[in-house]
Amino acid sequence: MKETEKTKVDPRVLRTRQLLKNALVELLEEMEPDKITVNRIAERATINRVTFYLHYRDIQDMMEKMAEEMVVEIEKAMTKTIEEKKTGGDDVILLGLLEHVAANAKFYKVIIGSRGVPIFHERLRDIFVKKINDGVTKQSLEGKGIQQDVAVWFGSAAMLGTIASWVRNDMPYSPQFLARQFALLFRREDLYEND
């Protein structure tokens, strides 16, 4: 058996998981995360409780798996954009991320915008910390008096907060425009000049 045949997932399983995810997102729009039960998710997804447990141990397991999938999707989106544009500039990397967020606006509006589910915030912050850390190490902060960890904390918090506000406000700017804005903001020469 080929490797791709082994890893292929039954379309019914994918469809059921998507129903469960959609149900969770809808419920998060309506209520606090701690008020959501497996019964409510199952009812909203039009499946029975037992089917939920075939896919996830509990709601926390479901959210963790959704967060892992989100990270994979974001990494794919950023990598794809770099490959398509044949460059790795800050605005191109961010464009892939922002286009992904825009394409999945309802999901992101709920998980980082209105309800702010901690596990998703943490995973997004981790992605931003890694990407910014990779970028900061390539550029010298010496002579400007900026500690690398402080630059990374600042950048990742600014990105997460700005993206959350962007989705909360129904994305008034295009992903391309916002990516250019981020690139301008994160040019350390512009931000930290002593002139």
C-alpha atoms as a PDB file:
ATOM      1  CA  MET A   1       0.000   0.000   0.000  1.00  0.00           C
ATOM      2  CA  LYS A   2       1.294   3.436  -0.927  1.00  0.00           C
ATOM      3  CA  GLU A   3       1.985   6.049   1.756  1.00  0.00           C
ATOM      4  CA  THR A   4      -0.743   8.369   0.434  1.00  0.00           C
ATOM      5  CA  GLU A   5      -3.319   5.570   0.552  1.00  0.00           C
ATOM      6  CA  LYS A   6      -2.471   4.816   4.194  1.00  0.00           C
ATOM      7  CA  THR A   7      -2.902   8.415   5.307  1.00  0.00           C
ATOM      8  CA  LYS A   8      -6.095   9.072   3.339  1.00  0.00           C
ATOM      9  CA  VAL A   9      -8.983   9.843   5.684  1.00  0.00           C
ATOM     10  CA  ASP A  10     -12.504   8.652   4.987  1.00  0.00           C
ATOM     11  CA  PRO A  11     -14.575  11.587   3.626  1.00  0.00           C
ATOM     12  CA  ARG A  12     -17.359  10.740   6.114  1.00  0.00           C
ATOM     13  CA  VAL A  13     -14.921  11.241   8.984  1.00  0.00           C
ATOM     14  CA  LEU A  14     -13.832  14.590   7.546  1.00  0.00           C
ATOM     15  CA  ARG A  15     -17.454  15.642   7.065  1.00  0.00           C
ATOM     16  CA  THR A  16     -18.370  14.695  10.641  1.00  0.00           C
ATOM     17  CA  ARG A  17     -15.373  16.549  12.068  1.00  0.00           C
ATOM     18  CA  GLN A  18     -16.302  19.606  10.026  1.00  0.00           C
ATOM     19  CA  LEU A  19     -19.871  19.447  11.364  1.00  0.00           C
ATOM     20  CA  LEU A  20     -18.493  19.273  14.904  1.00  0.00           C
ATOM     21  CA  LYS A  21     -16.110  22.187  14.341  1.00  0.00           C
ATOM     22  CA  ASN A  22     -18.852  24.312  12.792  1.00  0.00           C
ATOM     23  CA  ALA A  23     -21.122  23.487  15.719  1.00  0.00           C
ATOM     24  CA  LEU A  24     -18.458  24.511  18.230  1.00  0.00           C
ATOM     25  CA  VAL A  25     -17.783  27.802  16.433  1.00  0.00           C
ATOM     26  CA  GLU A  26     -21.517  28.571  16.295  1.00  0.00           C
ATOM     27  CA  LEU A  27     -21.892  27.821  19.997  1.00  0.00           C
ATOM     28  CA  LEU A  28     -18.875  29.995  20.814  1.00  0.00           C
ATOM     29  CA  GLU A  29     -20.630  32.857  19.026  1.00  0.00           C
ATOM     30  CA  GLU A  30     -23.572  32.434  21.384  1.00  0.00           C
ATOM     31  CA  MET A  31     -22.055  31.554  24.756  1.00  0.00           C
ATOM     32  CA  GLU A  32     -18.956  31.387  26.909  1.00  0.00           C
ATOM     33  CA  PRO A  33     -16.702  28.358  26.305  1.00  0.00           C
ATOM     34  CA  ASP A  34     -17.309  26.934  29.794  1.00  0.00           C
ATOM     35  CA  LYS A  35     -21.075  26.773  29.108  1.00  0.00           C
ATOM     36  CA  ILE A  36     -20.621  24.519  26.050  1.00  0.00           C
ATOM     37  CA  THR A  37     -21.242  20.821  26.552  1.00  0.00           C
ATOM     38  CA  VAL A  38     -20.691  17.758  24.396  1.00  0.00           C
ATOM     39  CA  ASN A  39     -24.483  17.370  24.196  1.00  0.00           C
ATOM     40  CA  ARG A  40     -24.876  20.901  22.813  1.00  0.00           C
ATOM     41  CA  ILE A  41     -22.135  20.349  20.235  1.00  0.00           C
ATOM     42  CA  ALA A  42     -23.622  17.009  19.162  1.00  0.00           C
ATOM     43  CA  GLU A  43     -27.140  18.448  18.894  1.00  0.00           C
ATOM     44  CA  ARG A  44     -25.930  21.429  16.865  1.00  0.00           C
ATOM     45  CA  ALA A  45     -23.913  19.136  14.579  1.00  0.00           C
ATOM     46  CA  THR A  46     -26.945  16.835  14.211  1.00  0.00           C
ATOM     47  CA  ILE A  47     -25.036  13.785  15.381  1.00  0.00           C
ATOM     48  CA  ASN A  48     -25.251  11.734  18.548  1.00  0.00           C
ATOM     49  CA  ARG A  49     -22.965  12.003  21.573  1.00  0.00           C
ATOM     50  CA  VAL A  50     -21.305   8.670  20.856  1.00  0.00           C
ATOM     51  CA  THR A  51     -20.170   9.950  17.458  1.00  0.00           C
ATOM     52  CA  PHE A  52     -18.513  12.934  19.150  1.00  0.00           C
ATOM     53  CA  TYR A  53     -16.515  10.557  21.351  1.00  0.00           C
ATOM     54  CA  LEU A  54     -15.382   8.579  18.302  1.00  0.00           C
ATOM     55  CA  HIS A  55     -13.505  11.710  17.230  1.00  0.00           C
ATOM     56  CA  TYR A  56     -12.532  13.479  20.456  1.00  0.00           C
ATOM     57  CA  ARG A  57     -12.022  12.590  24.132  1.00  0.00           C
ATOM     58  CA  ASP A  58     -13.710  15.775  25.313  1.00  0.00           C
ATOM     59  CA  ILE A  59     -14.181  19.415  24.363  1.00  0.00           C
ATOM     60  CA  GLN A  60     -10.641  20.330  25.436  1.00  0.00           C
ATOM     61  CA  ASP A  61      -9.249  17.576  23.166  1.00  0.00           C
ATOM     62  CA  MET A  62     -11.377  18.924  20.328  1.00  0.00           C
ATOM     63  CA  MET A  63     -10.066  22.462  20.823  1.00  0.00           C
ATOM     64  CA  GLU A  64      -6.466  21.238  21.023  1.00  0.00           C
ATOM     65  CA  LYS A  65      -6.839  19.307  17.774  1.00  0.00           C
ATOM     66  CA  MET A  66      -8.503  22.296  16.122  1.00  0.00           C
ATOM     67  CA  ALA A  67      -5.633  24.514  17.296  1.00  0.00           C
ATOM     68  CA  GLU A  68      -3.078  22.054  15.880  1.00  0.00           C
ATOM     69  CA  GLU A  69      -4.921  22.036  12.545  1.00  0.00           C
ATOM     70  CA  MET A  70      -5.009  25.837  12.597  1.00  0.00           C
ATOM     71  CA  VAL A  71      -1.214  25.968  13.037  1.00  0.00           C
ATOM     72  CA  VAL A  72      -0.674  23.555  10.132  1.00  0.00           C
ATOM     73  CA  GLU A  73      -3.032  25.555   7.910  1.00  0.00           C
ATOM     74  CA  ILE A  74      -1.338  28.858   8.766  1.00  0.00           C
ATOM     75  CA  GLU A  75       2.132  27.416   8.099  1.00  0.00           C
ATOM     76  CA  LYS A  76       0.889  26.060   4.752  1.00  0.00           C
ATOM     77  CA  ALA A  77      -0.676  29.396   3.821  1.00  0.00           C
ATOM     78  CA  MET A  78       2.494  31.362   4.624  1.00  0.00           C
ATOM     79  CA  THR A  79       4.755  28.880   2.823  1.00  0.00           C
ATOM     80  CA  LYS A  80       2.489  28.762  -0.236  1.00  0.00           C
ATOM     81  CA  THR A  81       2.487  32.561  -0.510  1.00  0.00           C
ATOM     82  CA  ILE A  82       6.287  32.702  -0.311  1.00  0.00           C
ATOM     83  CA  GLU A  83       6.601  30.053  -3.034  1.00  0.00           C
ATOM     84  CA  GLU A  84       4.073  31.807  -5.273  1.00  0.00           C
ATOM     85  CA  LYS A  85       5.711  35.222  -4.895  1.00  0.00           C
ATOM     86  CA  LYS A  86       9.270  33.808  -5.052  1.00  0.00           C
ATOM     87  CA  THR A  87      10.326  36.021  -2.175  1.00  0.00           C
ATOM     88  CA  GLY A  88      10.266  35.930   1.588  1.00  0.00           C
ATOM     89  CA  GLY A  89       9.702  39.562   2.500  1.00  0.00           C
ATOM     90  CA  ASP A  90       7.767  40.388   5.661  1.00  0.00           C
ATOM     91  CA  ASP A  91       4.719  41.555   3.726  1.00  0.00           C
ATOM     92  CA  VAL A  92       4.618  38.341   1.647  1.00  0.00           C
ATOM     93  CA  ILE A  93       4.846  36.077   4.703  1.00  0.00           C
ATOM     94  CA  LEU A  94       2.115  38.063   6.430  1.00  0.00           C
ATOM     95  CA  LEU A  95      -0.022  38.157   3.295  1.00  0.00           C
ATOM     96  CA  GLY A  96      -0.397  34.366   3.380  1.00  0.00           C
ATOM     97  CA  LEU A  97      -1.403  34.518   7.038  1.00  0.00           C
ATOM     98  CA  LEU A  98      -3.878  37.360   6.524  1.00  0.00           C
ATOM     99  CA  GLU A  99      -5.435  35.796   3.419  1.00  0.00           C
ATOM    100  CA  HIS A 100      -5.916  32.588   5.411  1.00  0.00           C
ATOM    101  CA  VAL A 101      -7.546  34.526   8.258  1.00  0.00           C
ATOM    102  CA  ALA A 102      -9.819  36.365   5.793  1.00  0.00           C
ATOM    103  CA  ALA A 103     -10.847  33.093   4.114  1.00  0.00           C
ATOM    104  CA  ASN A 104     -11.772  31.676   7.543  1.00  0.00           C
ATOM    105  CA  ALA A 105     -13.124  34.909   8.997  1.00  0.00           C
ATOM    106  CA  LYS A 106     -15.999  33.424  10.994  1.00  0.00           C
ATOM    107  CA  PHE A 107     -13.680  30.987  12.771  1.00  0.00           C
ATOM    108  CA  TYR A 108     -11.048  33.617  13.599  1.00  0.00           C
ATOM    109  CA  LYS A 109     -13.606  36.216  14.605  1.00  0.00           C
ATOM    110  CA  VAL A 110     -14.870  33.826  17.260  1.00  0.00           C
ATOM    111  CA  ILE A 111     -11.623  32.303  18.497  1.00  0.00           C
ATOM    112  CA  ILE A 112      -9.478  35.440  18.640  1.00  0.00           C
ATOM    113  CA  GLY A 113     -12.002  38.206  18.204  1.00  0.00           C
ATOM    114  CA  SER A 114     -15.107  37.902  20.310  1.00  0.00           C
ATOM    115  CA  ARG A 115     -14.561  34.998  22.706  1.00  0.00           C
ATOM    116  CA  GLY A 116     -10.779  34.820  22.717  1.00  0.00           C
ATOM    117  CA  VAL A 117     -10.365  31.104  23.418  1.00  0.00           C
ATOM    118  CA  PRO A 118      -6.976  30.832  25.197  1.00  0.00           C
ATOM    119  CA  ILE A 119      -5.618  27.760  23.400  1.00  0.00           C
ATOM    120  CA  PHE A 120      -5.987  29.452  20.011  1.00  0.00           C
ATOM    121  CA  HIS A 121      -4.392  32.664  21.300  1.00  0.00           C
ATOM    122  CA  GLU A 122      -1.450  30.663  22.644  1.00  0.00           C
ATOM    123  CA  ARG A 123      -0.893  28.772  19.395  1.00  0.00           C
ATOM    124  CA  LEU A 124      -1.111  31.937  17.301  1.00  0.00           C
ATOM    125  CA  ARG A 125       1.260  33.730  19.656  1.00  0.00           C
ATOM    126  CA  ASP A 126       3.693  30.798  19.361  1.00  0.00           C
ATOM    127  CA  ILE A 127       3.619  31.048  15.555  1.00  0.00           C
ATOM    128  CA  PHE A 128       4.227  34.794  15.696  1.00  0.00           C
ATOM    129  CA  VAL A 129       7.025  34.444  18.250  1.00  0.00           C
ATOM    130  CA  LYS A 130       8.768  31.856  16.065  1.00  0.00           C
ATOM    131  CA  LYS A 131       8.431  33.887  12.857  1.00  0.00           C
ATOM    132  CA  ILE A 132       9.494  37.147  14.462  1.00  0.00           C
ATOM    133  CA  ASN A 133      12.353  35.465  16.305  1.00  0.00           C
ATOM    134  CA  ASP A 134      13.581  34.025  12.995  1.00  0.00           C
ATOM    135  CA  GLY A 135      13.426  37.498  11.441  1.00  0.00           C
ATOM    136  CA  VAL A 136      15.002  39.320  14.371  1.00  0.00           C
ATOM    137  CA  THR A 137      18.005  37.016  14.519  1.00  0.00           C
ATOM    138  CA  LYS A 138      18.760  37.871  10.889  1.00  0.00           C
ATOM    139  CA  GLN A 139      18.874  41.566  11.684  1.00  0.00           C
ATOM    140  CA  SER A 140      21.068  43.254  14.176  1.00  0.00           C
ATOM    141  CA  LEU A 141      19.463  45.002  17.093  1.00  0.00           C
ATOM    142  CA  GLU A 142      22.855  45.943  18.459  1.00  0.00           C
ATOM    143  CA  GLY A 143      23.488  49.634  18.728  1.00  0.00           C
ATOM    144  CA  LYS A 144      19.797  50.328  19.173  1.00  0.00           C
ATOM    145  CA  GLY A 145      19.609  49.093  22.742  1.00  0.00           C
ATOM    146  CA  ILE A 146      16.802  46.627  22.013  1.00  0.00           C
ATOM    147  CA  GLN A 147      16.844  43.205  23.599  1.00  0.00           C
ATOM    148  CA  GLN A 148      15.847  40.438  21.201  1.00  0.00           C
ATOM    149  CA  ASP A 149      13.283  38.929  23.566  1.00  0.00           C
ATOM    150  CA  VAL A 150      11.631  42.323  24.099  1.00  0.00           C
ATOM    151  CA  ALA A 151      11.417  42.869  20.317  1.00  0.00           C
ATOM    152  CA  VAL A 152       9.850  39.423  19.900  1.00  0.00           C
ATOM    153  CA  TRP A 153       7.322  39.966  22.725  1.00  0.00           C
ATOM    154  CA  PHE A 154       6.380  43.357  21.341  1.00  0.00           C
ATOM    155  CA  GLY A 155       6.032  42.150  17.761  1.00  0.00           C
ATOM    156  CA  SER A 156       4.018  39.030  18.558  1.00  0.00           C
ATOM    157  CA  ALA A 157       1.624  40.886  20.890  1.00  0.00           C
ATOM    158  CA  ALA A 158       1.177  43.660  18.328  1.00  0.00           C
ATOM    159  CA  MET A 159       0.414  41.177  15.548  1.00  0.00           C
ATOM    160  CA  LEU A 160      -2.051  39.164  17.595  1.00  0.00           C
ATOM    161  CA  GLY A 161      -3.818  42.276  18.869  1.00  0.00           C
ATOM    162  CA  THR A 162      -3.995  43.890  15.446  1.00  0.00           C
ATOM    163  CA  ILE A 163      -5.323  40.760  13.745  1.00  0.00           C
ATOM    164  CA  ALA A 164      -7.902  40.293  16.517  1.00  0.00           C
ATOM    165  CA  SER A 165      -9.053  43.900  16.098  1.00  0.00           C
ATOM    166  CA  TRP A 166      -9.093  43.512  12.309  1.00  0.00           C
ATOM    167  CA  VAL A 167     -11.454  40.511  12.438  1.00  0.00           C
ATOM    168  CA  ARG A 168     -13.559  42.036  15.245  1.00  0.00           C
ATOM    169  CA  ASN A 169     -14.130  45.083  13.013  1.00  0.00           C
ATOM    170  CA  ASP A 170     -15.151  42.934  10.023  1.00  0.00           C
ATOM    171  CA  MET A 171     -11.812  43.327   8.238  1.00  0.00           C
ATOM    172  CA  PRO A 172     -12.099  46.918   6.966  1.00  0.00           C
ATOM    173  CA  TYR A 173      -8.758  46.555   5.134  1.00  0.00           C
ATOM    174  CA  SER A 174      -7.718  43.984   2.569  1.00  0.00           C
ATOM    175  CA  PRO A 175      -5.117  41.370   3.550  1.00  0.00           C
ATOM    176  CA  GLN A 176      -2.697  42.994   1.072  1.00  0.00           C
ATOM    177  CA  PHE A 177      -3.080  46.427   2.624  1.00  0.00           C
ATOM    178  CA  LEU A 178      -2.729  45.118   6.177  1.00  0.00           C
ATOM    179  CA  ALA A 179       0.349  43.050   5.236  1.00  0.00           C
ATOM    180  CA  ARG A 180       2.000  46.207   3.830  1.00  0.00           C
ATOM    181  CA  GLN A 181       1.080  48.112   7.002  1.00  0.00           C
ATOM    182  CA  PHE A 182       2.668  45.406   9.161  1.00  0.00           C
ATOM    183  CA  ALA A 183       5.804  45.437   7.011  1.00  0.00           C
ATOM    184  CA  LEU A 184       6.091  49.202   7.446  1.00  0.00           C
ATOM    185  CA  LEU A 185       5.514  48.989  11.199  1.00  0.00           C
ATOM    186  CA  PHE A 186       8.041  46.229  11.730  1.00  0.00           C
ATOM    187  CA  ARG A 187      10.895  47.925   9.917  1.00  0.00           C
ATOM    188  CA  ARG A 188      13.102  48.334  12.932  1.00  0.00           C
ATOM    189  CA  GLU A 189      15.048  51.165  11.309  1.00  0.00           C
ATOM    190  CA  ASP A 190      11.836  53.203  11.078  1.00  0.00           C
ATOM    191  CA  LEU A 191      10.573  52.353  14.549  1.00  0.00           C
ATOM    192  CA  TYR A 192      13.698  52.887  16.551  1.00  0.00           C
ATOM    193  CA  GLU A 193      15.507  55.793  14.950  1.00  0.00           C
ATOM    194  CA  ASN A 194      16.812  58.270  17.472  1.00  0.00           C
ATOM    195  CA  ASP A 195      16.418  61.248  15.126  1.00  0.00           C
END
